[in-house]
Amino acid sequence: MRYRTDGQGVALLTLNRPERRNMWTARLEERFYDCLDRAAADPEARVVVVTGAGDTFCPGLDPEVLSGLSAGAAYTTNRRPQTYATTIPKPIVGAINGSCAGIGLAQALMFDYRFAARGAKFSTAFAKRGLPAEDATAWVLTRLCGPAHAFELLASARVFLAEEAAELGVVQQLSEPGQVVDDAVEFARGLAANVSPVSMAMIKSQIWRDCETTLEAARVRAQYLLRLAKEQPDFAEGAASLREKRPPAFAPYPGLHL
């Protein structure tokens, strides 16, 4: 993994196994989640962008690992869940620069917003390996593109391109090849410069957690978060910047129990 901040509120995380096309391993998984933890605690990071080294994002599990698993080997122990990115209290933006399949797609689906390079190839892949839809991919795909489209993508395990992914809602923005990281970083900088870190953390939590509850439960939780937000310096700064007709100058995310 590579980790760097840009001085404008963005942490860029790069899956860095170009010699293996960034294929997933237990070691890469551990390092990736460690980098997410680092970004969560980093006052220089308000928004996280994730991409892959070279011309692929992550085409799935490394075949060497898959061979061992099919022979009965253990993958790893004491893993963090594959939904871990949804628990990070900062927005995570995917910059999908190439092939994204299997566990690579599962990771990307846990991001909050996704850019993809035109022509990038996607596949769920699981059904062609005799596996179920892993790691909540069925849950997320159903909410992104509806049950019928989710079923077809998962059951067929076919390859589909970034252009179709955008039509289905699997990705939100298309970029020209070679431009996807710049586009994602520009988007992330806009959030970092203009939006309250407290608000971003609360809204992310609401989006990922409240869809698991009832409408009334979501309303009640929103009232709790509203009271909590009004106690934070971001609320005073947001009101002052509006009153004084200037851009807001929010402090780094303080860390809240949401």
C-alpha atoms as a PDB file:
ATOM      1  CA  MET A   1       0.000   0.000   0.000  1.00  0.00           C
ATOM      2  CA  ARG A   2       1.013   3.586  -0.597  1.00  0.00           C
ATOM      3  CA  TYR A   3      -0.356   6.409   1.549  1.00  0.00           C
ATOM      4  CA  ARG A   4       0.074  10.111   0.919  1.00  0.00           C
ATOM      5  CA  THR A   5      -1.770  13.317   1.668  1.00  0.00           C
ATOM      6  CA  ASP A   6      -1.897  16.233  -0.747  1.00  0.00           C
ATOM      7  CA  GLY A   7      -2.006  19.195   1.634  1.00  0.00           C
ATOM      8  CA  GLN A   8      -5.582  19.948   0.548  1.00  0.00           C
ATOM      9  CA  GLY A   9      -7.446  17.543   2.781  1.00  0.00           C
ATOM     10  CA  VAL A  10      -7.177  14.385   0.655  1.00  0.00           C
ATOM     11  CA  ALA A  11      -5.447  11.105   1.496  1.00  0.00           C
ATOM     12  CA  LEU A  12      -4.630   8.997  -1.573  1.00  0.00           C
ATOM     13  CA  LEU A  13      -4.382   5.269  -0.879  1.00  0.00           C
ATOM     14  CA  THR A  14      -2.937   3.082  -3.641  1.00  0.00           C
ATOM     15  CA  LEU A  15      -3.190  -0.701  -3.829  1.00  0.00           C
ATOM     16  CA  ASN A  16       0.439  -1.331  -4.717  1.00  0.00           C
ATOM     17  CA  ARG A  17       1.064  -4.806  -6.143  1.00  0.00           C
ATOM     18  CA  PRO A  18       1.485  -3.856  -9.813  1.00  0.00           C
ATOM     19  CA  GLU A  19       3.621  -6.926 -10.487  1.00  0.00           C
ATOM     20  CA  ARG A  20       0.507  -9.005  -9.589  1.00  0.00           C
ATOM     21  CA  ARG A  21      -2.031  -6.515 -11.004  1.00  0.00           C
ATOM     22  CA  ASN A  22      -2.996  -5.576  -7.415  1.00  0.00           C
ATOM     23  CA  MET A  23      -4.615  -8.951  -6.837  1.00  0.00           C
ATOM     24  CA  TRP A  24      -5.919  -9.368  -3.308  1.00  0.00           C
ATOM     25  CA  THR A  25      -4.093 -11.186  -0.513  1.00  0.00           C
ATOM     26  CA  ALA A  26      -4.457 -11.321   3.251  1.00  0.00           C
ATOM     27  CA  ARG A  27      -1.381  -9.102   3.579  1.00  0.00           C
ATOM     28  CA  LEU A  28      -2.788  -6.485   1.192  1.00  0.00           C
ATOM     29  CA  GLU A  29      -6.096  -6.594   3.057  1.00  0.00           C
ATOM     30  CA  GLU A  30      -4.406  -5.981   6.393  1.00  0.00           C
ATOM     31  CA  ARG A  31      -2.323  -3.102   5.018  1.00  0.00           C
ATOM     32  CA  PHE A  32      -5.343  -1.551   3.292  1.00  0.00           C
ATOM     33  CA  TYR A  33      -7.402  -1.525   6.470  1.00  0.00           C
ATOM     34  CA  ASP A  34      -4.422  -0.187   8.424  1.00  0.00           C
ATOM     35  CA  CYS A  35      -4.245   2.686   5.928  1.00  0.00           C
ATOM     36  CA  LEU A  36      -7.956   3.361   6.395  1.00  0.00           C
ATOM     37  CA  ASP A  37      -7.381   3.539  10.145  1.00  0.00           C
ATOM     38  CA  ARG A  38      -4.469   5.896   9.538  1.00  0.00           C
ATOM     39  CA  ALA A  39      -6.640   8.154   7.397  1.00  0.00           C
ATOM     40  CA  ALA A  40      -9.411   8.128   9.991  1.00  0.00           C
ATOM     41  CA  ALA A  41      -6.973   9.461  12.603  1.00  0.00           C
ATOM     42  CA  ASP A  42      -5.037  11.801  10.281  1.00  0.00           C
ATOM     43  CA  PRO A  43      -5.981  15.496  10.734  1.00  0.00           C
ATOM     44  CA  GLU A  44      -4.579  16.150   7.230  1.00  0.00           C
ATOM     45  CA  ALA A  45      -7.083  13.718   5.702  1.00  0.00           C
ATOM     46  CA  ARG A  46     -10.699  14.803   5.397  1.00  0.00           C
ATOM     47  CA  VAL A  47     -11.578  12.650   2.388  1.00  0.00           C
ATOM     48  CA  VAL A  48      -9.961   9.393   1.234  1.00  0.00           C
ATOM     49  CA  VAL A  49      -9.382   8.386  -2.405  1.00  0.00           C
ATOM     50  CA  VAL A  50      -8.513   4.761  -3.220  1.00  0.00           C
ATOM     51  CA  THR A  51      -6.972   3.590  -6.508  1.00  0.00           C
ATOM     52  CA  GLY A  52      -4.691   0.878  -7.870  1.00  0.00           C
ATOM     53  CA  ALA A  53      -1.094   1.050  -9.071  1.00  0.00           C
ATOM     54  CA  GLY A  54      -0.556   0.541 -12.792  1.00  0.00           C
ATOM     55  CA  ASP A  55      -3.516  -0.058 -15.074  1.00  0.00           C
ATOM     56  CA  THR A  56      -5.735  -2.189 -12.819  1.00  0.00           C
ATOM     57  CA  PHE A  57      -7.678  -1.541  -9.644  1.00  0.00           C
ATOM     58  CA  CYS A  58      -8.007  -5.065  -8.225  1.00  0.00           C
ATOM     59  CA  PRO A  59      -9.110  -7.977 -10.449  1.00  0.00           C
ATOM     60  CA  GLY A  60      -9.856 -10.239  -7.504  1.00  0.00           C
ATOM     61  CA  LEU A  61      -8.149 -12.719  -5.209  1.00  0.00           C
ATOM     62  CA  ASP A  62      -4.631 -13.739  -6.156  1.00  0.00           C
ATOM     63  CA  PRO A  63      -4.873 -17.180  -7.876  1.00  0.00           C
ATOM     64  CA  GLU A  64      -2.041 -18.453  -5.675  1.00  0.00           C
ATOM     65  CA  VAL A  65      -4.202 -17.705  -2.635  1.00  0.00           C
ATOM     66  CA  LEU A  66      -7.276 -19.185  -4.316  1.00  0.00           C
ATOM     67  CA  SER A  67      -5.413 -22.425  -5.043  1.00  0.00           C
ATOM     68  CA  GLY A  68      -4.512 -22.769  -1.401  1.00  0.00           C
ATOM     69  CA  LEU A  69      -8.075 -22.103  -0.285  1.00  0.00           C
ATOM     70  CA  SER A  70      -9.486 -24.688  -2.678  1.00  0.00           C
ATOM     71  CA  ALA A  71      -7.081 -27.206  -1.142  1.00  0.00           C
ATOM     72  CA  GLY A  72      -8.377 -26.405   2.335  1.00  0.00           C
ATOM     73  CA  ALA A  73      -5.855 -23.830   3.545  1.00  0.00           C
ATOM     74  CA  ALA A  74      -6.974 -21.064   5.879  1.00  0.00           C
ATOM     75  CA  TYR A  75      -7.004 -17.561   4.366  1.00  0.00           C
ATOM     76  CA  THR A  76      -6.220 -15.715   7.575  1.00  0.00           C
ATOM     77  CA  THR A  77      -7.540 -15.305  11.110  1.00  0.00           C
ATOM     78  CA  ASN A  78      -8.982 -12.411  13.086  1.00  0.00           C
ATOM     79  CA  ARG A  79      -9.936 -10.455   9.966  1.00  0.00           C
ATOM     80  CA  ARG A  80     -11.667  -7.138   9.958  1.00  0.00           C
ATOM     81  CA  PRO A  81     -14.949  -7.417   8.015  1.00  0.00           C
ATOM     82  CA  GLN A  82     -14.951  -6.648   4.299  1.00  0.00           C
ATOM     83  CA  THR A  83     -17.455  -3.899   5.074  1.00  0.00           C
ATOM     84  CA  TYR A  84     -14.800  -2.105   7.124  1.00  0.00           C
ATOM     85  CA  ALA A  85     -14.642   0.925   4.818  1.00  0.00           C
ATOM     86  CA  THR A  86     -18.249   1.777   5.693  1.00  0.00           C
ATOM     87  CA  THR A  87     -17.220   2.304   9.336  1.00  0.00           C
ATOM     88  CA  ILE A  88     -14.512   4.876   8.576  1.00  0.00           C
ATOM     89  CA  PRO A  89     -15.939   8.296   9.557  1.00  0.00           C
ATOM     90  CA  LYS A  90     -14.615  10.042   6.457  1.00  0.00           C
ATOM     91  CA  PRO A  91     -15.866   9.811   2.857  1.00  0.00           C
ATOM     92  CA  ILE A  92     -14.081   7.211   0.729  1.00  0.00           C
ATOM     93  CA  VAL A  93     -14.003   7.823  -3.012  1.00  0.00           C
ATOM     94  CA  GLY A  94     -13.010   5.065  -5.424  1.00  0.00           C
ATOM     95  CA  ALA A  95     -10.818   5.890  -8.415  1.00  0.00           C
ATOM     96  CA  ILE A  96     -11.252   2.645 -10.339  1.00  0.00           C
ATOM     97  CA  ASN A  97      -8.531   2.788 -12.949  1.00  0.00           C
ATOM     98  CA  GLY A  98      -8.912  -0.679 -14.461  1.00  0.00           C
ATOM     99  CA  SER A  99     -10.108  -4.224 -13.840  1.00  0.00           C
ATOM    100  CA  CYS A 100     -12.273  -4.541 -10.736  1.00  0.00           C
ATOM    101  CA  ALA A 101     -13.653  -7.999  -9.948  1.00  0.00           C
ATOM    102  CA  GLY A 102     -14.496 -10.412  -7.162  1.00  0.00           C
ATOM    103  CA  ILE A 103     -13.157  -9.228  -3.833  1.00  0.00           C
ATOM    104  CA  GLY A 104     -11.851  -6.097  -5.581  1.00  0.00           C
ATOM    105  CA  LEU A 105     -15.405  -5.192  -6.555  1.00  0.00           C
ATOM    106  CA  ALA A 106     -16.602  -6.092  -3.056  1.00  0.00           C
ATOM    107  CA  GLN A 107     -14.163  -3.544  -1.657  1.00  0.00           C
ATOM    108  CA  ALA A 108     -15.156  -0.858  -4.168  1.00  0.00           C
ATOM    109  CA  LEU A 109     -18.838  -1.307  -3.342  1.00  0.00           C
ATOM    110  CA  MET A 110     -18.080  -0.333   0.259  1.00  0.00           C
ATOM    111  CA  PHE A 111     -16.837   3.096  -0.840  1.00  0.00           C
ATOM    112  CA  ASP A 112     -19.155   6.070  -0.651  1.00  0.00           C
ATOM    113  CA  TYR A 113     -18.715   7.259  -4.250  1.00  0.00           C
ATOM    114  CA  ARG A 114     -17.013   5.741  -7.271  1.00  0.00           C
ATOM    115  CA  PHE A 115     -15.249   7.109 -10.344  1.00  0.00           C
ATOM    116  CA  ALA A 116     -14.240   4.644 -13.063  1.00  0.00           C
ATOM    117  CA  ALA A 117     -12.099   4.918 -16.153  1.00  0.00           C
ATOM    118  CA  ARG A 118     -14.017   4.384 -19.370  1.00  0.00           C
ATOM    119  CA  GLY A 119     -13.529   0.840 -20.590  1.00  0.00           C
ATOM    120  CA  ALA A 120     -12.603  -0.537 -17.150  1.00  0.00           C
ATOM    121  CA  LYS A 121     -13.825  -4.102 -16.760  1.00  0.00           C
ATOM    122  CA  PHE A 122     -16.019  -5.221 -13.873  1.00  0.00           C
ATOM    123  CA  SER A 123     -17.244  -8.641 -12.771  1.00  0.00           C
ATOM    124  CA  THR A 124     -18.733 -10.109  -9.619  1.00  0.00           C
ATOM    125  CA  ALA A 125     -16.974 -13.398 -10.551  1.00  0.00           C
ATOM    126  CA  PHE A 126     -18.198 -15.396  -7.526  1.00  0.00           C
ATOM    127  CA  ALA A 127     -20.683 -17.644  -9.330  1.00  0.00           C
ATOM    128  CA  LYS A 128     -17.957 -18.868 -11.685  1.00  0.00           C
ATOM    129  CA  ARG A 129     -15.932 -20.029  -8.693  1.00  0.00           C
ATOM    130  CA  GLY A 130     -18.757 -21.935  -7.013  1.00  0.00           C
ATOM    131  CA  LEU A 131     -19.205 -19.231  -4.380  1.00  0.00           C
ATOM    132  CA  PRO A 132     -22.123 -17.142  -3.092  1.00  0.00           C
ATOM    133  CA  ALA A 133     -22.216 -13.365  -3.370  1.00  0.00           C
ATOM    134  CA  GLU A 134     -19.484 -12.588  -0.869  1.00  0.00           C
ATOM    135  CA  ASP A 135     -19.137  -9.846   1.693  1.00  0.00           C
ATOM    136  CA  ALA A 136     -22.519  -8.101   1.404  1.00  0.00           C
ATOM    137  CA  THR A 137     -22.143  -7.538  -2.354  1.00  0.00           C
ATOM    138  CA  ALA A 138     -25.735  -8.718  -2.893  1.00  0.00           C
ATOM    139  CA  TRP A 139     -26.976  -6.254  -0.269  1.00  0.00           C
ATOM    140  CA  VAL A 140     -25.151  -3.301  -1.820  1.00  0.00           C
ATOM    141  CA  LEU A 141     -25.831  -4.155  -5.469  1.00  0.00           C
ATOM    142  CA  THR A 142     -29.544  -4.595  -4.748  1.00  0.00           C
ATOM    143  CA  ARG A 143     -29.663  -1.094  -3.313  1.00  0.00           C
ATOM    144  CA  LEU A 144     -27.573   0.434  -6.089  1.00  0.00           C
ATOM    145  CA  CYS A 145     -29.239  -1.079  -9.144  1.00  0.00           C
ATOM    146  CA  GLY A 146     -32.307  -3.033  -7.974  1.00  0.00           C
ATOM    147  CA  PRO A 147     -32.880  -6.743  -7.315  1.00  0.00           C
ATOM    148  CA  ALA A 148     -33.213  -7.879 -10.942  1.00  0.00           C
ATOM    149  CA  HIS A 149     -30.030  -6.193 -12.148  1.00  0.00           C
ATOM    150  CA  ALA A 150     -28.199  -7.318  -9.006  1.00  0.00           C
ATOM    151  CA  PHE A 151     -29.294 -10.902  -9.619  1.00  0.00           C
ATOM    152  CA  GLU A 152     -28.156 -10.836 -13.238  1.00  0.00           C
ATOM    153  CA  LEU A 153     -24.737  -9.365 -12.420  1.00  0.00           C
ATOM    154  CA  LEU A 154     -24.172 -11.849  -9.592  1.00  0.00           C
ATOM    155  CA  ALA A 155     -25.646 -14.976 -11.169  1.00  0.00           C
ATOM    156  CA  SER A 156     -24.077 -14.536 -14.594  1.00  0.00           C
ATOM    157  CA  ALA A 157     -20.720 -13.312 -13.238  1.00  0.00           C
ATOM    158  CA  ARG A 158     -20.223 -11.759 -16.668  1.00  0.00           C
ATOM    159  CA  VAL A 159     -17.821  -8.983 -17.500  1.00  0.00           C
ATOM    160  CA  PHE A 160     -19.386  -5.540 -17.860  1.00  0.00           C
ATOM    161  CA  LEU A 161     -17.695  -2.263 -18.663  1.00  0.00           C
ATOM    162  CA  ALA A 162     -17.540   0.994 -16.728  1.00  0.00           C
ATOM    163  CA  GLU A 163     -20.077   2.566 -19.085  1.00  0.00           C
ATOM    164  CA  GLU A 164     -22.709  -0.033 -18.163  1.00  0.00           C
ATOM    165  CA  ALA A 165     -21.693   0.199 -14.506  1.00  0.00           C
ATOM    166  CA  ALA A 166     -22.520   3.915 -14.651  1.00  0.00           C
ATOM    167  CA  GLU A 167     -25.884   3.254 -16.301  1.00  0.00           C
ATOM    168  CA  LEU A 168     -26.750   0.761 -13.540  1.00  0.00           C
ATOM    169  CA  GLY A 169     -25.556   3.017 -10.716  1.00  0.00           C
ATOM    170  CA  VAL A 170     -22.639   0.796  -9.709  1.00  0.00           C
ATOM    171  CA  VAL A 171     -20.324   3.739 -10.383  1.00  0.00           C
ATOM    172  CA  GLN A 172     -21.305   7.385 -10.299  1.00  0.00           C
ATOM    173  CA  GLN A 173     -18.811   9.131 -12.610  1.00  0.00           C
ATOM    174  CA  LEU A 174     -16.866   8.155 -15.730  1.00  0.00           C
ATOM    175  CA  SER A 175     -13.386   9.472 -16.465  1.00  0.00           C
ATOM    176  CA  GLU A 176     -11.134   9.276 -19.457  1.00  0.00           C
ATOM    177  CA  PRO A 177      -8.354   6.677 -19.122  1.00  0.00           C
ATOM    178  CA  GLY A 178      -5.460   8.160 -17.195  1.00  0.00           C
ATOM    179  CA  GLN A 179      -7.673  10.872 -15.689  1.00  0.00           C
ATOM    180  CA  VAL A 180      -9.649   8.962 -13.084  1.00  0.00           C
ATOM    181  CA  VAL A 181      -7.386   9.679 -10.098  1.00  0.00           C
ATOM    182  CA  ASP A 182      -7.229  13.390 -10.912  1.00  0.00           C
ATOM    183  CA  ASP A 183     -11.021  13.525 -11.246  1.00  0.00           C
ATOM    184  CA  ALA A 184     -11.586  11.684  -7.975  1.00  0.00           C
ATOM    185  CA  VAL A 185      -9.064  13.849  -6.125  1.00  0.00           C
ATOM    186  CA  GLU A 186     -10.656  17.037  -7.490  1.00  0.00           C
ATOM    187  CA  PHE A 187     -14.054  15.850  -6.259  1.00  0.00           C
ATOM    188  CA  ALA A 188     -12.564  14.945  -2.871  1.00  0.00           C
ATOM    189  CA  ARG A 189     -10.851  18.326  -2.561  1.00  0.00           C
ATOM    190  CA  GLY A 190     -14.185  20.036  -3.102  1.00  0.00           C
ATOM    191  CA  LEU A 191     -15.646  18.143  -0.160  1.00  0.00           C
ATOM    192  CA  ALA A 192     -12.583  18.760   1.989  1.00  0.00           C
ATOM    193  CA  ALA A 193     -12.604  22.502   1.296  1.00  0.00           C
ATOM    194  CA  ASN A 194     -16.286  23.232   1.685  1.00  0.00           C
ATOM    195  CA  VAL A 195     -17.986  20.690   3.930  1.00  0.00           C
ATOM    196  CA  SER A 196     -17.990  20.125   7.682  1.00  0.00           C
ATOM    197  CA  PRO A 197     -16.070  16.965   8.674  1.00  0.00           C
ATOM    198  CA  VAL A 198     -18.657  16.390  11.405  1.00  0.00           C
ATOM    199  CA  SER A 199     -21.480  16.612   8.872  1.00  0.00           C
ATOM    200  CA  MET A 200     -19.711  14.220   6.495  1.00  0.00           C
ATOM    201  CA  ALA A 201     -19.188  11.662   9.258  1.00  0.00           C
ATOM    202  CA  MET A 202     -22.805  11.903  10.392  1.00  0.00           C
ATOM    203  CA  ILE A 203     -24.253  11.720   6.881  1.00  0.00           C
ATOM    204  CA  LYS A 204     -22.065   8.739   5.986  1.00  0.00           C
ATOM    205  CA  SER A 205     -23.206   6.960   9.132  1.00  0.00           C
ATOM    206  CA  GLN A 206     -26.838   7.745   8.337  1.00  0.00           C
ATOM    207  CA  ILE A 207     -26.592   6.457   4.767  1.00  0.00           C
ATOM    208  CA  TRP A 208     -24.938   3.166   5.681  1.00  0.00           C
ATOM    209  CA  ARG A 209     -26.764   2.461   8.945  1.00  0.00           C
ATOM    210  CA  ASP A 210     -30.227   3.955   8.641  1.00  0.00           C
ATOM    211  CA  CYS A 211     -31.186   1.915   5.588  1.00  0.00           C
ATOM    212  CA  GLU A 212     -31.086  -1.098   7.887  1.00  0.00           C
ATOM    213  CA  THR A 213     -33.768   0.397  10.148  1.00  0.00           C
ATOM    214  CA  THR A 214     -37.291   1.776   9.868  1.00  0.00           C
ATOM    215  CA  LEU A 215     -38.212   5.275   8.703  1.00  0.00           C
ATOM    216  CA  GLU A 216     -39.203   6.200  12.240  1.00  0.00           C
ATOM    217  CA  ALA A 217     -35.946   4.900  13.707  1.00  0.00           C
ATOM    218  CA  ALA A 218     -34.012   6.937  11.137  1.00  0.00           C
ATOM    219  CA  ARG A 219     -36.000  10.046  12.096  1.00  0.00           C
ATOM    220  CA  VAL A 220     -35.291   9.545  15.782  1.00  0.00           C
ATOM    221  CA  ARG A 221     -31.582   9.005  15.145  1.00  0.00           C
ATOM    222  CA  ALA A 222     -31.453  12.130  12.960  1.00  0.00           C
ATOM    223  CA  GLN A 223     -32.853  14.120  15.891  1.00  0.00           C
ATOM    224  CA  TYR A 224     -30.125  12.724  18.150  1.00  0.00           C
ATOM    225  CA  LEU A 225     -27.425  13.587  15.594  1.00  0.00           C
ATOM    226  CA  LEU A 226     -28.876  17.069  15.165  1.00  0.00           C
ATOM    227  CA  ARG A 227     -28.539  17.763  18.880  1.00  0.00           C
ATOM    228  CA  LEU A 228     -24.987  16.406  18.838  1.00  0.00           C
ATOM    229  CA  ALA A 229     -24.063  18.477  15.760  1.00  0.00           C
ATOM    230  CA  LYS A 230     -25.254  21.712  17.372  1.00  0.00           C
ATOM    231  CA  GLU A 231     -22.794  21.114  20.212  1.00  0.00           C
ATOM    232  CA  GLN A 232     -19.807  20.957  17.826  1.00  0.00           C
ATOM    233  CA  PRO A 233     -17.591  23.861  16.698  1.00  0.00           C
ATOM    234  CA  ASP A 234     -18.458  23.051  13.062  1.00  0.00           C
ATOM    235  CA  PHE A 235     -22.012  24.272  13.600  1.00  0.00           C
ATOM    236  CA  ALA A 236     -20.844  27.622  14.981  1.00  0.00           C
ATOM    237  CA  GLU A 237     -18.339  27.994  12.145  1.00  0.00           C
ATOM    238  CA  GLY A 238     -20.905  27.074   9.502  1.00  0.00           C
ATOM    239  CA  ALA A 239     -23.351  29.658  10.831  1.00  0.00           C
ATOM    240  CA  ALA A 240     -20.623  32.311  11.147  1.00  0.00           C
ATOM    241  CA  SER A 241     -19.360  31.758   7.600  1.00  0.00           C
ATOM    242  CA  LEU A 242     -22.888  32.163   6.253  1.00  0.00           C
ATOM    243  CA  ARG A 243     -23.449  35.306   8.296  1.00  0.00           C
ATOM    244  CA  GLU A 244     -20.095  36.793   7.301  1.00  0.00           C
ATOM    245  CA  LYS A 245     -20.409  35.695   3.651  1.00  0.00           C
ATOM    246  CA  ARG A 246     -17.071  33.860   3.568  1.00  0.00           C
ATOM    247  CA  PRO A 247     -15.928  30.275   2.952  1.00  0.00           C
ATOM    248  CA  PRO A 248     -16.075  28.097   6.082  1.00  0.00           C
ATOM    249  CA  ALA A 249     -12.866  27.133   7.873  1.00  0.00           C
ATOM    250  CA  PHE A 250     -13.771  23.887   9.609  1.00  0.00           C
ATOM    251  CA  ALA A 251     -11.410  22.191  12.055  1.00  0.00           C
ATOM    252  CA  PRO A 252     -10.307  18.566  11.477  1.00  0.00           C
ATOM    253  CA  TYR A 253     -12.762  15.841  12.420  1.00  0.00           C
ATOM    254  CA  PRO A 254     -12.741  15.570  16.246  1.00  0.00           C
ATOM    255  CA  GLY A 255     -13.890  11.955  16.503  1.00  0.00           C
ATOM    256  CA  LEU A 256     -17.413  11.360  17.737  1.00  0.00           C
ATOM    257  CA  HIS A 257     -19.400   8.360  18.905  1.00  0.00           C
ATOM    258  CA  LEU A 258     -22.191   8.265  16.340  1.00  0.00           C
END
